[in-house]
Amino acid sequence: MNTRFAKLTLATLISASIGLSPFAVMAADPAPAPASPPVAAPAAVPTTPAQATQPEKAQKKSKKQAKKDKKAEKKAKKKSKKKAKAAQESAPAQQ
């Protein structure tokens, strides 16, 4: 069942990325320079909840990555400590 779920998840992500790719391209393109100056400036558009949560998502992602890095570092230290201990124990036995 896990493989089915993984395949479904992967297919969903691929479909979503294909569907959203035109929007990403439009967002990346700079707006063309207007031929004449605008007559009146439009009213400020209130931010939607989705736009407001993007910085929060980025912050959560960075926290998660930092936690993951810290965990990997801790694991590496523990592994090296274990290797050093094993080498220390085997050194007197060989002499």
PDB file of N, CA and C in Angstrom:
ATOM      1  N   MET A   1       0.824  -1.184   0.000  1.00  0.00           N
ATOM      2  CA  MET A   1       0.000   0.000   0.000  1.00  0.00           C
ATOM      3  C   MET A   1       0.877   1.260   0.000  1.00  0.00           C
ATOM      4  N   ASN A   2       2.036   1.161   0.660  1.00  0.00           N
ATOM      5  CA  ASN A   2       2.922   2.319   0.713  1.00  0.00           C
ATOM      6  C   ASN A   2       3.416   2.698  -0.675  1.00  0.00           C
ATOM      7  N   THR A   3       3.687   1.706  -1.516  1.00  0.00           N
ATOM      8  CA  THR A   3       4.166   2.028  -2.862  1.00  0.00           C
ATOM      9  C   THR A   3       3.058   2.697  -3.670  1.00  0.00           C
ATOM     10  N   ARG A   4       1.835   2.256  -3.494  1.00  0.00           N
ATOM     11  CA  ARG A   4       0.718   2.892  -4.194  1.00  0.00           C
ATOM     12  C   ARG A   4       0.574   4.343  -3.757  1.00  0.00           C
ATOM     13  N   PHE A   5       0.680   4.547  -2.465  1.00  0.00           N
ATOM     14  CA  PHE A   5       0.567   5.901  -1.928  1.00  0.00           C
ATOM     15  C   PHE A   5       1.725   6.763  -2.430  1.00  0.00           C
ATOM     16  N   ALA A   6       2.914   6.213  -2.468  1.00  0.00           N
ATOM     17  CA  ALA A   6       4.072   6.970  -2.951  1.00  0.00           C
ATOM     18  C   ALA A   6       3.907   7.325  -4.428  1.00  0.00           C
ATOM     19  N   LYS A   7       3.430   6.389  -5.221  1.00  0.00           N
ATOM     20  CA  LYS A   7       3.218   6.644  -6.650  1.00  0.00           C
ATOM     21  C   LYS A   7       2.150   7.721  -6.847  1.00  0.00           C
ATOM     22  N   LEU A   8       1.082   7.627  -6.079  1.00  0.00           N
ATOM     23  CA  LEU A   8       0.011   8.611  -6.171  1.00  0.00           C
ATOM     24  C   LEU A   8       0.516   9.997  -5.776  1.00  0.00           C
ATOM     25  N   THR A   9       1.289  10.062  -4.711  1.00  0.00           N
ATOM     26  CA  THR A   9       1.855  11.329  -4.260  1.00  0.00           C
ATOM     27  C   THR A   9       2.777  11.916  -5.314  1.00  0.00           C
ATOM     28  N   LEU A  10       3.637  11.083  -5.880  1.00  0.00           N
ATOM     29  CA  LEU A  10       4.556  11.546  -6.908  1.00  0.00           C
ATOM     30  C   LEU A  10       3.802  12.047  -8.134  1.00  0.00           C
ATOM     31  N   ALA A  11       2.785  11.300  -8.555  1.00  0.00           N
ATOM     32  CA  ALA A  11       1.985  11.711  -9.708  1.00  0.00           C
ATOM     33  C   ALA A  11       1.269  13.035  -9.438  1.00  0.00           C
ATOM     34  N   THR A  12       0.774  13.208  -8.224  1.00  0.00           N
ATOM     35  CA  THR A  12       0.094  14.449  -7.853  1.00  0.00           C
ATOM     36  C   THR A  12       1.059  15.629  -7.885  1.00  0.00           C
ATOM     37  N   LEU A  13       2.259  15.434  -7.345  1.00  0.00           N
ATOM     38  CA  LEU A  13       3.249  16.508  -7.348  1.00  0.00           C
ATOM     39  C   LEU A  13       3.662  16.884  -8.770  1.00  0.00           C
ATOM     40  N   ILE A  14       3.854  15.897  -9.609  1.00  0.00           N
ATOM     41  CA  ILE A  14       4.232  16.164 -10.991  1.00  0.00           C
ATOM     42  C   ILE A  14       3.110  16.902 -11.715  1.00  0.00           C
ATOM     43  N   SER A  15       1.885  16.450 -11.529  1.00  0.00           N
ATOM     44  CA  SER A  15       0.741  17.112 -12.162  1.00  0.00           C
ATOM     45  C   SER A  15       0.618  18.556 -11.706  1.00  0.00           C
ATOM     46  N   ALA A  16       0.784  18.773 -10.415  1.00  0.00           N
ATOM     47  CA  ALA A  16       0.682  20.128  -9.877  1.00  0.00           C
ATOM     48  C   ALA A  16       1.795  21.018 -10.429  1.00  0.00           C
ATOM     49  N   SER A  17       3.009  20.476 -10.516  1.00  0.00           N
ATOM     50  CA  SER A  17       4.113  21.299 -11.023  1.00  0.00           C
ATOM     51  C   SER A  17       3.924  21.632 -12.489  1.00  0.00           C
ATOM     52  N   ILE A  18       3.397  20.696 -13.266  1.00  0.00           N
ATOM     53  CA  ILE A  18       3.130  20.960 -14.675  1.00  0.00           C
ATOM     54  C   ILE A  18       2.003  21.991 -14.808  1.00  0.00           C
ATOM     55  N   GLY A  19       0.998  21.853 -13.992  1.00  0.00           N
ATOM     56  CA  GLY A  19      -0.131  22.778 -14.050  1.00  0.00           C
ATOM     57  C   GLY A  19       0.234  24.182 -13.610  1.00  0.00           C
ATOM     58  N   LEU A  20       1.142  24.311 -12.655  1.00  0.00           N
ATOM     59  CA  LEU A  20       1.498  25.624 -12.123  1.00  0.00           C
ATOM     60  C   LEU A  20       2.679  26.268 -12.842  1.00  0.00           C
ATOM     61  N   SER A  21       3.354  25.557 -13.710  1.00  0.00           N
ATOM     62  CA  SER A  21       4.543  26.111 -14.360  1.00  0.00           C
ATOM     63  C   SER A  21       4.256  27.371 -15.181  1.00  0.00           C
ATOM     64  N   PRO A  22       3.131  27.489 -15.893  1.00  0.00           N
ATOM     65  CA  PRO A  22       2.892  28.752 -16.608  1.00  0.00           C
ATOM     66  C   PRO A  22       2.766  29.952 -15.670  1.00  0.00           C
ATOM     67  N   PHE A  23       2.201  29.747 -14.506  1.00  0.00           N
ATOM     68  CA  PHE A  23       2.069  30.832 -13.541  1.00  0.00           C
ATOM     69  C   PHE A  23       3.439  31.262 -13.024  1.00  0.00           C
ATOM     70  N   ALA A  24       4.325  30.295 -12.825  1.00  0.00           N
ATOM     71  CA  ALA A  24       5.669  30.625 -12.358  1.00  0.00           C
ATOM     72  C   ALA A  24       6.411  31.429 -13.409  1.00  0.00           C
ATOM     73  N   VAL A  25       6.220  31.092 -14.669  1.00  0.00           N
ATOM     74  CA  VAL A  25       6.876  31.830 -15.748  1.00  0.00           C
ATOM     75  C   VAL A  25       6.329  33.251 -15.820  1.00  0.00           C
ATOM     76  N   MET A  26       5.019  33.390 -15.694  1.00  0.00           N
ATOM     77  CA  MET A  26       4.418  34.727 -15.732  1.00  0.00           C
ATOM     78  C   MET A  26       4.896  35.568 -14.557  1.00  0.00           C
ATOM     79  N   ALA A  27       5.047  34.939 -13.403  1.00  0.00           N
ATOM     80  CA  ALA A  27       5.484  35.681 -12.224  1.00  0.00           C
ATOM     81  C   ALA A  27       6.944  36.090 -12.358  1.00  0.00           C
ATOM     82  N   ALA A  28       7.751  35.301 -13.048  1.00  0.00           N
ATOM     83  CA  ALA A  28       9.168  35.603 -13.182  1.00  0.00           C
ATOM     84  C   ALA A  28       9.425  36.691 -14.220  1.00  0.00           C
ATOM     85  N   ASP A  29       8.551  36.828 -15.210  1.00  0.00           N
ATOM     86  CA  ASP A  29       8.735  37.840 -16.255  1.00  0.00           C
ATOM     87  C   ASP A  29       8.460  39.222 -15.694  1.00  0.00           C
ATOM     88  N   PRO A  30       9.326  40.174 -15.993  1.00  0.00           N
ATOM     89  CA  PRO A  30       9.045  41.539 -15.529  1.00  0.00           C
ATOM     90  C   PRO A  30       7.894  42.142 -16.328  1.00  0.00           C
ATOM     91  N   ALA A  31       7.174  43.047 -15.722  1.00  0.00           N
ATOM     92  CA  ALA A  31       6.049  43.693 -16.399  1.00  0.00           C
ATOM     93  C   ALA A  31       6.594  44.598 -17.495  1.00  0.00           C
ATOM     94  N   PRO A  32       5.955  44.623 -18.653  1.00  0.00           N
ATOM     95  CA  PRO A  32       6.447  45.504 -19.726  1.00  0.00           C
ATOM     96  C   PRO A  32       6.275  46.969 -19.326  1.00  0.00           C
ATOM     97  N   ALA A  33       7.186  47.804 -19.794  1.00  0.00           N
ATOM     98  CA  ALA A  33       7.126  49.226 -19.470  1.00  0.00           C
ATOM     99  C   ALA A  33       5.917  49.851 -20.157  1.00  0.00           C
ATOM    100  N   PRO A  34       5.114  50.613 -19.434  1.00  0.00           N
ATOM    101  CA  PRO A  34       3.935  51.223 -20.049  1.00  0.00           C
ATOM    102  C   PRO A  34       4.345  52.308 -21.050  1.00  0.00           C
ATOM    103  N   ALA A  35       3.578  52.419 -22.138  1.00  0.00           N
ATOM    104  CA  ALA A  35       3.867  53.413 -23.168  1.00  0.00           C
ATOM    105  C   ALA A  35       3.605  54.820 -22.650  1.00  0.00           C
ATOM    106  N   SER A  36       2.568  54.978 -21.869  1.00  0.00           N
ATOM    107  CA  SER A  36       2.259  56.287 -21.300  1.00  0.00           C
ATOM    108  C   SER A  36       2.123  56.142 -19.790  1.00  0.00           C
ATOM    109  N   PRO A  37       2.363  57.201 -19.046  1.00  0.00           N
ATOM    110  CA  PRO A  37       2.246  57.084 -17.593  1.00  0.00           C
ATOM    111  C   PRO A  37       0.797  56.804 -17.195  1.00  0.00           C
ATOM    112  N   PRO A  38       0.597  56.034 -16.160  1.00  0.00           N
ATOM    113  CA  PRO A  38      -0.765  55.720 -15.730  1.00  0.00           C
ATOM    114  C   PRO A  38      -1.492  56.975 -15.242  1.00  0.00           C
ATOM    115  N   VAL A  39      -2.774  56.998 -15.486  1.00  0.00           N
ATOM    116  CA  VAL A  39      -3.589  58.159 -15.125  1.00  0.00           C
ATOM    117  C   VAL A  39      -3.782  58.217 -13.622  1.00  0.00           C
ATOM    118  N   ALA A  40      -4.235  57.143 -13.054  1.00  0.00           N
ATOM    119  CA  ALA A  40      -4.461  57.103 -11.614  1.00  0.00           C
ATOM    120  C   ALA A  40      -3.895  55.793 -11.077  1.00  0.00           C
ATOM    121  N   ALA A  41      -3.265  55.861  -9.943  1.00  0.00           N
ATOM    122  CA  ALA A  41      -2.704  54.655  -9.337  1.00  0.00           C
ATOM    123  C   ALA A  41      -3.841  53.826  -8.750  1.00  0.00           C
ATOM    124  N   PRO A  42      -3.838  52.538  -8.991  1.00  0.00           N
ATOM    125  CA  PRO A  42      -4.895  51.707  -8.418  1.00  0.00           C
ATOM    126  C   PRO A  42      -4.748  51.609  -6.905  1.00  0.00           C
ATOM    127  N   ALA A  43      -5.836  51.306  -6.255  1.00  0.00           N
ATOM    128  CA  ALA A  43      -5.815  51.163  -4.802  1.00  0.00           C
ATOM    129  C   ALA A  43      -4.949  49.975  -4.427  1.00  0.00           C
ATOM    130  N   ALA A  44      -4.366  50.044  -3.257  1.00  0.00           N
ATOM    131  CA  ALA A  44      -3.500  48.962  -2.799  1.00  0.00           C
ATOM    132  C   ALA A  44      -4.306  47.681  -2.675  1.00  0.00           C
ATOM    133  N   VAL A  45      -3.774  46.632  -3.226  1.00  0.00           N
ATOM    134  CA  VAL A  45      -4.451  45.340  -3.191  1.00  0.00           C
ATOM    135  C   VAL A  45      -4.102  44.665  -1.877  1.00  0.00           C
ATOM    136  N   PRO A  46      -5.094  44.284  -1.094  1.00  0.00           N
ATOM    137  CA  PRO A  46      -4.784  43.607   0.170  1.00  0.00           C
ATOM    138  C   PRO A  46      -4.157  42.246  -0.111  1.00  0.00           C
ATOM    139  N   THR A  47      -3.241  41.857   0.742  1.00  0.00           N
ATOM    140  CA  THR A  47      -2.595  40.565   0.546  1.00  0.00           C
ATOM    141  C   THR A  47      -3.562  39.454   0.912  1.00  0.00           C
ATOM    142  N   THR A  48      -3.492  38.400   0.154  1.00  0.00           N
ATOM    143  CA  THR A  48      -4.330  37.241   0.430  1.00  0.00           C
ATOM    144  C   THR A  48      -3.662  36.401   1.504  1.00  0.00           C
ATOM    145  N   PRO A  49      -4.409  35.527   2.145  1.00  0.00           N
ATOM    146  CA  PRO A  49      -3.788  34.673   3.159  1.00  0.00           C
ATOM    147  C   PRO A  49      -2.666  33.819   2.587  1.00  0.00           C
ATOM    148  N   ALA A  50      -2.777  33.410   1.328  1.00  0.00           N
ATOM    149  CA  ALA A  50      -1.737  32.589   0.717  1.00  0.00           C
ATOM    150  C   ALA A  50      -0.440  33.383   0.597  1.00  0.00           C
ATOM    151  N   GLN A  51      -0.536  34.664   0.240  1.00  0.00           N
ATOM    152  CA  GLN A  51       0.655  35.493   0.118  1.00  0.00           C
ATOM    153  C   GLN A  51       1.254  35.779   1.487  1.00  0.00           C
ATOM    154  N   ALA A  52       0.415  35.899   2.477  1.00  0.00           N
ATOM    155  CA  ALA A  52       0.904  36.190   3.823  1.00  0.00           C
ATOM    156  C   ALA A  52       1.614  34.990   4.426  1.00  0.00           C
ATOM    157  N   THR A  53       1.228  33.782   4.039  1.00  0.00           N
ATOM    158  CA  THR A  53       1.824  32.596   4.640  1.00  0.00           C
ATOM    159  C   THR A  53       3.123  32.191   3.974  1.00  0.00           C
ATOM    160  N   GLN A  54       3.478  32.756   2.829  1.00  0.00           N
ATOM    161  CA  GLN A  54       4.719  32.374   2.153  1.00  0.00           C
ATOM    162  C   GLN A  54       5.946  32.632   3.019  1.00  0.00           C
ATOM    163  N   PRO A  55       6.081  33.801   3.647  1.00  0.00           N
ATOM    164  CA  PRO A  55       7.248  33.984   4.525  1.00  0.00           C
ATOM    165  C   PRO A  55       7.238  33.008   5.701  1.00  0.00           C
ATOM    166  N   GLU A  56       6.051  32.710   6.206  1.00  0.00           N
ATOM    167  CA  GLU A  56       5.950  31.756   7.309  1.00  0.00           C
ATOM    168  C   GLU A  56       6.410  30.383   6.863  1.00  0.00           C
ATOM    169  N   LYS A  57       6.016  30.005   5.649  1.00  0.00           N
ATOM    170  CA  LYS A  57       6.432  28.710   5.122  1.00  0.00           C
ATOM    171  C   LYS A  57       7.942  28.661   4.947  1.00  0.00           C
ATOM    172  N   ALA A  58       8.509  29.739   4.457  1.00  0.00           N
ATOM    173  CA  ALA A  58       9.953  29.795   4.269  1.00  0.00           C
ATOM    174  C   ALA A  58      10.666  29.709   5.616  1.00  0.00           C
ATOM    175  N   GLN A  59      10.097  30.371   6.601  1.00  0.00           N
ATOM    176  CA  GLN A  59      10.688  30.339   7.937  1.00  0.00           C
ATOM    177  C   GLN A  59      10.614  28.927   8.516  1.00  0.00           C
ATOM    178  N   LYS A  60       9.458  28.284   8.355  1.00  0.00           N
ATOM    179  CA  LYS A  60       9.306  26.918   8.854  1.00  0.00           C
ATOM    180  C   LYS A  60      10.277  25.978   8.150  1.00  0.00           C
ATOM    181  N   LYS A  61      10.419  26.186   6.840  1.00  0.00           N
ATOM    182  CA  LYS A  61      11.315  25.327   6.062  1.00  0.00           C
ATOM    183  C   LYS A  61      12.756  25.499   6.518  1.00  0.00           C
ATOM    184  N   SER A  62      13.159  26.734   6.780  1.00  0.00           N
ATOM    185  CA  SER A  62      14.532  26.970   7.223  1.00  0.00           C
ATOM    186  C   SER A  62      14.764  26.384   8.611  1.00  0.00           C
ATOM    187  N   LYS A  63      13.753  26.494   9.483  1.00  0.00           N
ATOM    188  CA  LYS A  63      13.874  25.888  10.811  1.00  0.00           C
ATOM    189  C   LYS A  63      13.998  24.376  10.707  1.00  0.00           C
ATOM    190  N   LYS A  64      13.183  23.798   9.818  1.00  0.00           N
ATOM    191  CA  LYS A  64      13.212  22.354   9.635  1.00  0.00           C
ATOM    192  C   LYS A  64      14.575  21.908   9.100  1.00  0.00           C
ATOM    193  N   GLN A  65      15.119  22.667   8.152  1.00  0.00           N
ATOM    194  CA  GLN A  65      16.421  22.338   7.570  1.00  0.00           C
ATOM    195  C   GLN A  65      17.517  22.463   8.622  1.00  0.00           C
ATOM    196  N   ALA A  66      17.437  23.501   9.461  1.00  0.00           N
ATOM    197  CA  ALA A  66      18.428  23.687  10.518  1.00  0.00           C
ATOM    198  C   ALA A  66      18.370  22.529  11.508  1.00  0.00           C
ATOM    199  N   LYS A  67      17.168  22.109  11.829  1.00  0.00           N
ATOM    200  CA  LYS A  67      17.000  20.990  12.755  1.00  0.00           C
ATOM    201  C   LYS A  67      17.568  19.714  12.147  1.00  0.00           C
ATOM    202  N   LYS A  68      17.333  19.530  10.854  1.00  0.00           N
ATOM    203  CA  LYS A  68      17.837  18.347  10.157  1.00  0.00           C
ATOM    204  C   LYS A  68      19.367  18.363  10.128  1.00  0.00           C
ATOM    205  N   ASP A  69      19.953  19.525   9.857  1.00  0.00           N
ATOM    206  CA  ASP A  69      21.408  19.647   9.834  1.00  0.00           C
ATOM    207  C   ASP A  69      22.004  19.367  11.208  1.00  0.00           C
ATOM    208  N   LYS A  70      21.358  19.897  12.225  1.00  0.00           N
ATOM    209  CA  LYS A  70      21.834  19.692  13.598  1.00  0.00           C
ATOM    210  C   LYS A  70      21.784  18.215  13.960  1.00  0.00           C
ATOM    211  N   LYS A  71      20.720  17.551  13.553  1.00  0.00           N
ATOM    212  CA  LYS A  71      20.568  16.125  13.838  1.00  0.00           C
ATOM    213  C   LYS A  71      21.639  15.318  13.111  1.00  0.00           C
ATOM    214  N   ALA A  72      21.915  15.676  11.850  1.00  0.00           N
ATOM    215  CA  ALA A  72      22.939  14.976  11.073  1.00  0.00           C
ATOM    216  C   ALA A  72      24.317  15.179  11.694  1.00  0.00           C
ATOM    217  N   GLU A  73      24.578  16.395  12.168  1.00  0.00           N
ATOM    218  CA  GLU A  73      25.859  16.691  12.808  1.00  0.00           C
ATOM    219  C   GLU A  73      26.012  15.880  14.092  1.00  0.00           C
ATOM    220  N   LYS A  74      24.946  15.806  14.853  1.00  0.00           N
ATOM    221  CA  LYS A  74      24.968  15.047  16.104  1.00  0.00           C
ATOM    222  C   LYS A  74      25.209  13.564  15.822  1.00  0.00           C
ATOM    223  N   LYS A  75      24.566  13.071  14.770  1.00  0.00           N
ATOM    224  CA  LYS A  75      24.722  11.669  14.396  1.00  0.00           C
ATOM    225  C   LYS A  75      26.153  11.392  13.952  1.00  0.00           C
ATOM    226  N   ALA A  76      26.744  12.317  13.192  1.00  0.00           N
ATOM    227  CA  ALA A  76      28.117  12.157  12.727  1.00  0.00           C
ATOM    228  C   ALA A  76      29.090  12.159  13.908  1.00  0.00           C
ATOM    229  N   LYS A  77      28.865  13.044  14.881  1.00  0.00           N
ATOM    230  CA  LYS A  77      29.715  13.090  16.071  1.00  0.00           C
ATOM    231  C   LYS A  77      29.639  11.777  16.837  1.00  0.00           C
ATOM    232  N   LYS A  78      28.423  11.281  16.980  1.00  0.00           N
ATOM    233  CA  LYS A  78      28.221  10.045  17.718  1.00  0.00           C
ATOM    234  C   LYS A  78      28.924   8.882  17.011  1.00  0.00           C
ATOM    235  N   LYS A  79      28.827   8.869  15.687  1.00  0.00           N
ATOM    236  CA  LYS A  79      29.442   7.804  14.901  1.00  0.00           C
ATOM    237  C   LYS A  79      30.970   7.874  15.001  1.00  0.00           C
ATOM    238  N   SER A  80      31.517   9.070  14.912  1.00  0.00           N
ATOM    239  CA  SER A  80      32.974   9.212  14.994  1.00  0.00           C
ATOM    240  C   SER A  80      33.474   8.868  16.389  1.00  0.00           C
ATOM    241  N   LYS A  81      32.684   9.214  17.395  1.00  0.00           N
ATOM    242  CA  LYS A  81      33.049   8.885  18.772  1.00  0.00           C
ATOM    243  C   LYS A  81      33.064   7.365  18.965  1.00  0.00           C
ATOM    244  N   LYS A  82      32.075   6.708  18.357  1.00  0.00           N
ATOM    245  CA  LYS A  82      31.985   5.261  18.455  1.00  0.00           C
ATOM    246  C   LYS A  82      33.172   4.601  17.753  1.00  0.00           C
ATOM    247  N   LYS A  83      33.556   5.135  16.581  1.00  0.00           N
ATOM    248  CA  LYS A  83      34.704   4.592  15.851  1.00  0.00           C
ATOM    249  C   LYS A  83      35.989   4.797  16.639  1.00  0.00           C
ATOM    250  N   ALA A  84      36.138   5.961  17.245  1.00  0.00           N
ATOM    251  CA  ALA A  84      37.335   6.252  18.026  1.00  0.00           C
ATOM    252  C   ALA A  84      37.433   5.313  19.222  1.00  0.00           C
ATOM    253  N   LYS A  85      36.309   5.065  19.842  1.00  0.00           N
ATOM    254  CA  LYS A  85      36.283   4.172  21.001  1.00  0.00           C
ATOM    255  C   LYS A  85      36.648   2.758  20.579  1.00  0.00           C
ATOM    256  N   ALA A  86      36.121   2.304  19.440  1.00  0.00           N
ATOM    257  CA  ALA A  86      36.422   0.969  18.940  1.00  0.00           C
ATOM    258  C   ALA A  86      37.894   0.855  18.567  1.00  0.00           C
ATOM    259  N   ALA A  87      38.455   1.888  17.973  1.00  0.00           N
ATOM    260  CA  ALA A  87      39.871   1.883  17.600  1.00  0.00           C
ATOM    261  C   ALA A  87      40.744   1.880  18.845  1.00  0.00           C
ATOM    262  N   GLN A  88      40.329   2.610  19.860  1.00  0.00           N
ATOM    263  CA  GLN A  88      41.092   2.679  21.105  1.00  0.00           C
ATOM    264  C   GLN A  88      41.090   1.326  21.814  1.00  0.00           C
ATOM    265  N   GLU A  89      39.961   0.644  21.775  1.00  0.00           N
ATOM    266  CA  GLU A  89      39.860  -0.667  22.423  1.00  0.00           C
ATOM    267  C   GLU A  89      40.673  -1.731  21.676  1.00  0.00           C
ATOM    268  N   SER A  90      40.685  -1.620  20.336  1.00  0.00           N
ATOM    269  CA  SER A  90      41.394  -2.630  19.565  1.00  0.00           C
ATOM    270  C   SER A  90      42.901  -2.381  19.556  1.00  0.00           C
ATOM    271  N   ALA A  91      43.349  -1.157  19.765  1.00  0.00           N
ATOM    272  CA  ALA A  91      44.784  -0.844  19.767  1.00  0.00           C
ATOM    273  C   ALA A  91      45.526  -1.561  20.898  1.00  0.00           C
ATOM    274  N   PRO A  92      45.062  -1.506  22.156  1.00  0.00           N
ATOM    275  CA  PRO A  92      45.782  -2.227  23.226  1.00  0.00           C
ATOM    276  C   PRO A  92      45.740  -3.743  23.021  1.00  0.00           C
ATOM    277  N   ALA A  93      44.701  -4.240  22.422  1.00  0.00           N
ATOM    278  CA  ALA A  93      44.590  -5.683  22.203  1.00  0.00           C
ATOM    279  C   ALA A  93      45.614  -6.176  21.196  1.00  0.00           C
ATOM    280  N   GLN A  94      45.960  -5.343  20.223  1.00  0.00           N
ATOM    281  CA  GLN A  94      46.933  -5.740  19.211  1.00  0.00           C
ATOM    282  C   GLN A  94      48.354  -5.703  19.761  1.00  0.00           C
ATOM    283  N   GLN A  95      48.649  -4.872  20.725  1.00  0.00           N
ATOM    284  CA  GLN A  95      50.006  -4.750  21.262  1.00  0.00           C
ATOM    285  C   GLN A  95      50.316  -5.838  22.190  1.00  0.00           C
TER     286      GLN A  95
END
